[in-house]
Amino acid sequence: MVLTGTFTETKDYWRQRFEQAGLQVAVTVTKKTALVCAADADSMSGKAKKARQYGIPVVGVEAFDLVLARMA
């Protein structure tokens, strides 16, 4: 997964949460990326645009935070 946008918490905070859940966090979007977590689900960042071009889901951090909470 890849993080994009300006989050309320730091990206390190989210990276740690995702890694604790067993997810691998990368810096750039590639065709092998499974998911992009965005500070804003409607993000038009370069990473979000590239993900959409590749058919990779872009999920807002709020939704993903709920998933992480349920996994715990």
PDB file of N, CA and C in Angstrom:
ATOM      1  N   MET A   1       0.827  -1.168   0.000  1.00  0.00           N
ATOM      2  CA  MET A   1       0.000   0.000   0.000  1.00  0.00           C
ATOM      3  C   MET A   1       0.873   1.233   0.000  1.00  0.00           C
ATOM      4  N   VAL A   2       0.287   2.353  -0.427  1.00  0.00           N
ATOM      5  CA  VAL A   2       1.006   3.628  -0.502  1.00  0.00           C
ATOM      6  C   VAL A   2       0.156   4.698   0.181  1.00  0.00           C
ATOM      7  N   LEU A   3       0.800   5.602   0.865  1.00  0.00           N
ATOM      8  CA  LEU A   3       0.132   6.738   1.503  1.00  0.00           C
ATOM      9  C   LEU A   3       0.271   7.971   0.628  1.00  0.00           C
ATOM     10  N   THR A   4      -0.798   8.784   0.569  1.00  0.00           N
ATOM     11  CA  THR A   4      -0.712  10.039  -0.165  1.00  0.00           C
ATOM     12  C   THR A   4      -1.535  11.116   0.532  1.00  0.00           C
ATOM     13  N   GLY A   5      -1.065  12.338   0.465  1.00  0.00           N
ATOM     14  CA  GLY A   5      -1.784  13.468   1.040  1.00  0.00           C
ATOM     15  C   GLY A   5      -1.181  13.959   2.338  1.00  0.00           C
ATOM     16  N   THR A   6      -1.830  14.974   2.888  1.00  0.00           N
ATOM     17  CA  THR A   6      -1.414  15.570   4.153  1.00  0.00           C
ATOM     18  C   THR A   6      -2.385  15.102   5.231  1.00  0.00           C
ATOM     19  N   PHE A   7      -1.907  14.241   6.092  1.00  0.00           N
ATOM     20  CA  PHE A   7      -2.728  13.646   7.127  1.00  0.00           C
ATOM     21  C   PHE A   7      -2.705  14.503   8.386  1.00  0.00           C
ATOM     22  N   THR A   8      -3.755  14.359   9.214  1.00  0.00           N
ATOM     23  CA  THR A   8      -3.773  15.052  10.505  1.00  0.00           C
ATOM     24  C   THR A   8      -2.617  14.557  11.356  1.00  0.00           C
ATOM     25  N   GLU A   9      -2.468  13.221  11.401  1.00  0.00           N
ATOM     26  CA  GLU A   9      -1.321  12.626  12.069  1.00  0.00           C
ATOM     27  C   GLU A   9      -0.194  12.520  11.040  1.00  0.00           C
ATOM     28  N   THR A  10       0.992  12.211  11.488  1.00  0.00           N
ATOM     29  CA  THR A  10       2.112  12.094  10.552  1.00  0.00           C
ATOM     30  C   THR A  10       1.982  10.817   9.722  1.00  0.00           C
ATOM     31  N   LYS A  11       2.650  10.802   8.586  1.00  0.00           N
ATOM     32  CA  LYS A  11       2.662   9.593   7.763  1.00  0.00           C
ATOM     33  C   LYS A  11       3.357   8.458   8.506  1.00  0.00           C
ATOM     34  N   ASP A  12       4.320   8.793   9.349  1.00  0.00           N
ATOM     35  CA  ASP A  12       4.986   7.756  10.158  1.00  0.00           C
ATOM     36  C   ASP A  12       3.996   7.081  11.095  1.00  0.00           C
ATOM     37  N   TYR A  13       3.097   7.859  11.663  1.00  0.00           N
ATOM     38  CA  TYR A  13       2.053   7.299  12.529  1.00  0.00           C
ATOM     39  C   TYR A  13       1.251   6.269  11.749  1.00  0.00           C
ATOM     40  N   TRP A  14       0.782   6.631  10.557  1.00  0.00           N
ATOM     41  CA  TRP A  14      -0.029   5.718   9.741  1.00  0.00           C
ATOM     42  C   TRP A  14       0.800   4.541   9.241  1.00  0.00           C
ATOM     43  N   ARG A  15       2.011   4.805   8.855  1.00  0.00           N
ATOM     44  CA  ARG A  15       2.881   3.718   8.385  1.00  0.00           C
ATOM     45  C   ARG A  15       3.028   2.663   9.486  1.00  0.00           C
ATOM     46  N   GLN A  16       3.256   3.104  10.709  1.00  0.00           N
ATOM     47  CA  GLN A  16       3.403   2.177  11.834  1.00  0.00           C
ATOM     48  C   GLN A  16       2.120   1.387  12.068  1.00  0.00           C
ATOM     49  N   ARG A  17       0.987   2.057  11.992  1.00  0.00           N
ATOM     50  CA  ARG A  17      -0.300   1.363  12.190  1.00  0.00           C
ATOM     51  C   ARG A  17      -0.517   0.304  11.123  1.00  0.00           C
ATOM     52  N   PHE A  18      -0.212   0.656   9.867  1.00  0.00           N
ATOM     53  CA  PHE A  18      -0.419  -0.296   8.777  1.00  0.00           C
ATOM     54  C   PHE A  18       0.543  -1.466   8.888  1.00  0.00           C
ATOM     55  N   GLU A  19       1.787  -1.183   9.224  1.00  0.00           N
ATOM     56  CA  GLU A  19       2.769  -2.257   9.354  1.00  0.00           C
ATOM     57  C   GLU A  19       2.431  -3.176  10.524  1.00  0.00           C
ATOM     58  N   GLN A  20       1.901  -2.614  11.610  1.00  0.00           N
ATOM     59  CA  GLN A  20       1.478  -3.437  12.739  1.00  0.00           C
ATOM     60  C   GLN A  20       0.324  -4.361  12.355  1.00  0.00           C
ATOM     61  N   ALA A  21      -0.456  -3.941  11.353  1.00  0.00           N
ATOM     62  CA  ALA A  21      -1.565  -4.763  10.863  1.00  0.00           C
ATOM     63  C   ALA A  21      -1.094  -5.768   9.810  1.00  0.00           C
ATOM     64  N   GLY A  22       0.221  -5.768   9.544  1.00  0.00           N
ATOM     65  CA  GLY A  22       0.775  -6.724   8.602  1.00  0.00           C
ATOM     66  C   GLY A  22       0.826  -6.249   7.162  1.00  0.00           C
ATOM     67  N   LEU A  23       0.616  -4.969   6.948  1.00  0.00           N
ATOM     68  CA  LEU A  23       0.645  -4.412   5.595  1.00  0.00           C
ATOM     69  C   LEU A  23       2.008  -3.809   5.290  1.00  0.00           C
ATOM     70  N   GLN A  24       2.440  -3.969   4.064  1.00  0.00           N
ATOM     71  CA  GLN A  24       3.708  -3.393   3.631  1.00  0.00           C
ATOM     72  C   GLN A  24       3.423  -2.033   3.009  1.00  0.00           C
ATOM     73  N   VAL A  25       4.129  -1.008   3.467  1.00  0.00           N
ATOM     74  CA  VAL A  25       3.933   0.352   2.973  1.00  0.00           C
ATOM     75  C   VAL A  25       5.094   0.727   2.063  1.00  0.00           C
ATOM     76  N   ALA A  26       4.759   1.182   0.860  1.00  0.00           N
ATOM     77  CA  ALA A  26       5.762   1.607  -0.113  1.00  0.00           C
ATOM     78  C   ALA A  26       5.661   3.114  -0.315  1.00  0.00           C
ATOM     79  N   VAL A  27       6.651   3.665  -0.985  1.00  0.00           N
ATOM     80  CA  VAL A  27       6.706   5.112  -1.212  1.00  0.00           C
ATOM     81  C   VAL A  27       6.039   5.505  -2.525  1.00  0.00           C
ATOM     82  N   THR A  28       6.152   4.654  -3.542  1.00  0.00           N
ATOM     83  CA  THR A  28       5.608   4.988  -4.853  1.00  0.00           C
ATOM     84  C   THR A  28       4.575   3.960  -5.313  1.00  0.00           C
ATOM     85  N   VAL A  29       3.691   4.392  -6.185  1.00  0.00           N
ATOM     86  CA  VAL A  29       2.677   3.521  -6.755  1.00  0.00           C
ATOM     87  C   VAL A  29       3.273   2.797  -7.959  1.00  0.00           C
ATOM     88  N   THR A  30       3.120   1.477  -7.951  1.00  0.00           N
ATOM     89  CA  THR A  30       3.508   0.654  -9.096  1.00  0.00           C
ATOM     90  C   THR A  30       2.313  -0.239  -9.432  1.00  0.00           C
ATOM     91  N   LYS A  31       2.418  -0.984 -10.505  1.00  0.00           N
ATOM     92  CA  LYS A  31       1.331  -1.882 -10.881  1.00  0.00           C
ATOM     93  C   LYS A  31       1.121  -2.982  -9.844  1.00  0.00           C
ATOM     94  N   LYS A  32       2.119  -3.206  -8.992  1.00  0.00           N
ATOM     95  CA  LYS A  32       2.010  -4.220  -7.942  1.00  0.00           C
ATOM     96  C   LYS A  32       1.363  -3.678  -6.666  1.00  0.00           C
ATOM     97  N   THR A  33       1.145  -2.370  -6.593  1.00  0.00           N
ATOM     98  CA  THR A  33       0.510  -1.760  -5.426  1.00  0.00           C
ATOM     99  C   THR A  33      -0.930  -2.260  -5.334  1.00  0.00           C
ATOM    100  N   ALA A  34      -1.356  -2.635  -4.136  1.00  0.00           N
ATOM    101  CA  ALA A  34      -2.707  -3.161  -3.950  1.00  0.00           C
ATOM    102  C   ALA A  34      -3.709  -2.082  -3.562  1.00  0.00           C
ATOM    103  N   LEU A  35      -3.221  -1.018  -2.882  1.00  0.00           N
ATOM    104  CA  LEU A  35      -4.126  -0.027  -2.324  1.00  0.00           C
ATOM    105  C   LEU A  35      -3.382   1.270  -2.066  1.00  0.00           C
ATOM    106  N   VAL A  36      -4.083   2.393  -2.245  1.00  0.00           N
ATOM    107  CA  VAL A  36      -3.542   3.695  -1.865  1.00  0.00           C
ATOM    108  C   VAL A  36      -4.455   4.255  -0.784  1.00  0.00           C
ATOM    109  N   CYS A  37      -3.872   4.647   0.326  1.00  0.00           N
ATOM    110  CA  CYS A  37      -4.606   5.271   1.422  1.00  0.00           C
ATOM    111  C   CYS A  37      -4.337   6.763   1.354  1.00  0.00           C
ATOM    112  N   ALA A  38      -5.403   7.531   1.157  1.00  0.00           N
ATOM    113  CA  ALA A  38      -5.269   8.975   0.968  1.00  0.00           C
ATOM    114  C   ALA A  38      -5.855   9.741   2.141  1.00  0.00           C
ATOM    115  N   ALA A  39      -5.246  10.863   2.445  1.00  0.00           N
ATOM    116  CA  ALA A  39      -5.793  11.748   3.466  1.00  0.00           C
ATOM    117  C   ALA A  39      -7.188  12.207   3.035  1.00  0.00           C
ATOM    118  N   ASP A  40      -7.388  12.337   1.725  1.00  0.00           N
ATOM    119  CA  ASP A  40      -8.668  12.716   1.127  1.00  0.00           C
ATOM    120  C   ASP A  40      -8.982  11.694   0.037  1.00  0.00           C
ATOM    121  N   ALA A  41     -10.079  10.971   0.183  1.00  0.00           N
ATOM    122  CA  ALA A  41     -10.417   9.911  -0.777  1.00  0.00           C
ATOM    123  C   ALA A  41     -10.588  10.437  -2.200  1.00  0.00           C
ATOM    124  N   ASP A  42     -10.894  11.719  -2.350  1.00  0.00           N
ATOM    125  CA  ASP A  42     -11.057  12.327  -3.676  1.00  0.00           C
ATOM    126  C   ASP A  42      -9.772  12.977  -4.164  1.00  0.00           C
ATOM    127  N   SER A  43      -8.676  12.623  -3.553  1.00  0.00           N
ATOM    128  CA  SER A  43      -7.375  13.215  -3.862  1.00  0.00           C
ATOM    129  C   SER A  43      -7.065  13.162  -5.356  1.00  0.00           C
ATOM    130  N   MET A  44      -6.459  14.217  -5.836  1.00  0.00           N
ATOM    131  CA  MET A  44      -5.987  14.273  -7.215  1.00  0.00           C
ATOM    132  C   MET A  44      -4.464  14.330  -7.235  1.00  0.00           C
ATOM    133  N   SER A  45      -3.834  13.831  -6.169  1.00  0.00           N
ATOM    134  CA  SER A  45      -2.374  13.802  -6.099  1.00  0.00           C
ATOM    135  C   SER A  45      -1.836  12.916  -7.213  1.00  0.00           C
ATOM    136  N   GLY A  46      -0.574  13.059  -7.501  1.00  0.00           N
ATOM    137  CA  GLY A  46       0.054  12.237  -8.531  1.00  0.00           C
ATOM    138  C   GLY A  46      -0.067  10.754  -8.220  1.00  0.00           C
ATOM    139  N   LYS A  47       0.094  10.387  -6.941  1.00  0.00           N
ATOM    140  CA  LYS A  47      -0.016   8.983  -6.544  1.00  0.00           C
ATOM    141  C   LYS A  47      -1.440   8.470  -6.746  1.00  0.00           C
ATOM    142  N   ALA A  48      -2.425   9.268  -6.373  1.00  0.00           N
ATOM    143  CA  ALA A  48      -3.823   8.861  -6.526  1.00  0.00           C
ATOM    144  C   ALA A  48      -4.190   8.736  -8.006  1.00  0.00           C
ATOM    145  N   LYS A  49      -3.744   9.685  -8.803  1.00  0.00           N
ATOM    146  CA  LYS A  49      -4.021   9.629 -10.245  1.00  0.00           C
ATOM    147  C   LYS A  49      -3.415   8.372 -10.868  1.00  0.00           C
ATOM    148  N   LYS A  50      -2.171   8.088 -10.516  1.00  0.00           N
ATOM    149  CA  LYS A  50      -1.493   6.914 -11.064  1.00  0.00           C
ATOM    150  C   LYS A  50      -2.212   5.639 -10.629  1.00  0.00           C
ATOM    151  N   ALA A  51      -2.617   5.593  -9.364  1.00  0.00           N
ATOM    152  CA  ALA A  51      -3.343   4.420  -8.857  1.00  0.00           C
ATOM    153  C   ALA A  51      -4.626   4.209  -9.660  1.00  0.00           C
ATOM    154  N   ARG A  52      -5.366   5.266  -9.889  1.00  0.00           N
ATOM    155  CA  ARG A  52      -6.615   5.141 -10.647  1.00  0.00           C
ATOM    156  C   ARG A  52      -6.344   4.689 -12.082  1.00  0.00           C
ATOM    157  N   GLN A  53      -5.259   5.166 -12.674  1.00  0.00           N
ATOM    158  CA  GLN A  53      -4.903   4.729 -14.032  1.00  0.00           C
ATOM    159  C   GLN A  53      -4.650   3.229 -14.060  1.00  0.00           C
ATOM    160  N   TYR A  54      -4.062   2.697 -13.004  1.00  0.00           N
ATOM    161  CA  TYR A  54      -3.748   1.275 -12.911  1.00  0.00           C
ATOM    162  C   TYR A  54      -4.927   0.450 -12.380  1.00  0.00           C
ATOM    163  N   GLY A  55      -6.021   1.104 -12.006  1.00  0.00           N
ATOM    164  CA  GLY A  55      -7.169   0.386 -11.449  1.00  0.00           C
ATOM    165  C   GLY A  55      -7.003  -0.003  -9.992  1.00  0.00           C
ATOM    166  N   ILE A  56      -6.107   0.694  -9.300  1.00  0.00           N
ATOM    167  CA  ILE A  56      -5.834   0.426  -7.876  1.00  0.00           C
ATOM    168  C   ILE A  56      -6.786   1.286  -7.039  1.00  0.00           C
ATOM    169  N   PRO A  57      -7.464   0.700  -6.063  1.00  0.00           N
ATOM    170  CA  PRO A  57      -8.385   1.473  -5.227  1.00  0.00           C
ATOM    171  C   PRO A  57      -7.659   2.552  -4.415  1.00  0.00           C
ATOM    172  N   VAL A  58      -8.336   3.700  -4.294  1.00  0.00           N
ATOM    173  CA  VAL A  58      -7.867   4.799  -3.441  1.00  0.00           C
ATOM    174  C   VAL A  58      -8.904   4.936  -2.335  1.00  0.00           C
ATOM    175  N   VAL A  59      -8.465   4.700  -1.109  1.00  0.00           N
ATOM    176  CA  VAL A  59      -9.363   4.692   0.039  1.00  0.00           C
ATOM    177  C   VAL A  59      -8.990   5.834   0.973  1.00  0.00           C
ATOM    178  N   GLY A  60     -10.006   6.508   1.506  1.00  0.00           N
ATOM    179  CA  GLY A  60      -9.766   7.570   2.476  1.00  0.00           C
ATOM    180  C   GLY A  60      -9.281   7.004   3.794  1.00  0.00           C
ATOM    181  N   VAL A  61      -8.487   7.779   4.483  1.00  0.00           N
ATOM    182  CA  VAL A  61      -7.891   7.321   5.736  1.00  0.00           C
ATOM    183  C   VAL A  61      -8.952   7.022   6.791  1.00  0.00           C
ATOM    184  N   GLU A  62     -10.070   7.745   6.779  1.00  0.00           N
ATOM    185  CA  GLU A  62     -11.115   7.497   7.771  1.00  0.00           C
ATOM    186  C   GLU A  62     -11.683   6.082   7.617  1.00  0.00           C
ATOM    187  N   ALA A  63     -11.958   5.691   6.382  1.00  0.00           N
ATOM    188  CA  ALA A  63     -12.486   4.352   6.124  1.00  0.00           C
ATOM    189  C   ALA A  63     -11.462   3.286   6.513  1.00  0.00           C
ATOM    190  N   PHE A  64     -10.224   3.540   6.178  1.00  0.00           N
ATOM    191  CA  PHE A  64      -9.193   2.553   6.488  1.00  0.00           C
ATOM    192  C   PHE A  64      -8.952   2.467   7.985  1.00  0.00           C
ATOM    193  N   ASP A  65      -9.110   3.571   8.676  1.00  0.00           N
ATOM    194  CA  ASP A  65      -8.959   3.571  10.130  1.00  0.00           C
ATOM    195  C   ASP A  65     -10.019   2.669  10.776  1.00  0.00           C
ATOM    196  N   LEU A  66     -11.233   2.677  10.235  1.00  0.00           N
ATOM    197  CA  LEU A  66     -12.285   1.797  10.738  1.00  0.00           C
ATOM    198  C   LEU A  66     -11.925   0.327  10.534  1.00  0.00           C
ATOM    199  N   VAL A  67     -11.364   0.021   9.372  1.00  0.00           N
ATOM    200  CA  VAL A  67     -10.943  -1.350   9.080  1.00  0.00           C
ATOM    201  C   VAL A  67      -9.873  -1.786  10.079  1.00  0.00           C
ATOM    202  N   LEU A  68      -8.880  -0.918  10.300  1.00  0.00           N
ATOM    203  CA  LEU A  68      -7.805  -1.257  11.238  1.00  0.00           C
ATOM    204  C   LEU A  68      -8.354  -1.487  12.645  1.00  0.00           C
ATOM    205  N   ALA A  69      -9.316  -0.667  13.045  1.00  0.00           N
ATOM    206  CA  ALA A  69      -9.905  -0.808  14.381  1.00  0.00           C
ATOM    207  C   ALA A  69     -10.616  -2.153  14.513  1.00  0.00           C
ATOM    208  N   ARG A  70     -11.288  -2.575  13.462  1.00  0.00           N
ATOM    209  CA  ARG A  70     -12.009  -3.853  13.514  1.00  0.00           C
ATOM    210  C   ARG A  70     -11.054  -5.043  13.470  1.00  0.00           C
ATOM    211  N   MET A  71      -9.876  -4.846  12.875  1.00  0.00           N
ATOM    212  CA  MET A  71      -8.891  -5.929  12.807  1.00  0.00           C
ATOM    213  C   MET A  71      -8.227  -6.160  14.160  1.00  0.00           C
ATOM    214  N   ALA A  72      -8.189  -5.102  14.977  1.00  0.00           N
ATOM    215  CA  ALA A  72      -7.478  -5.186  16.266  1.00  0.00           C
ATOM    216  C   ALA A  72      -8.193  -6.036  17.276  1.00  0.00           C
TER     217      ALA A  72
END
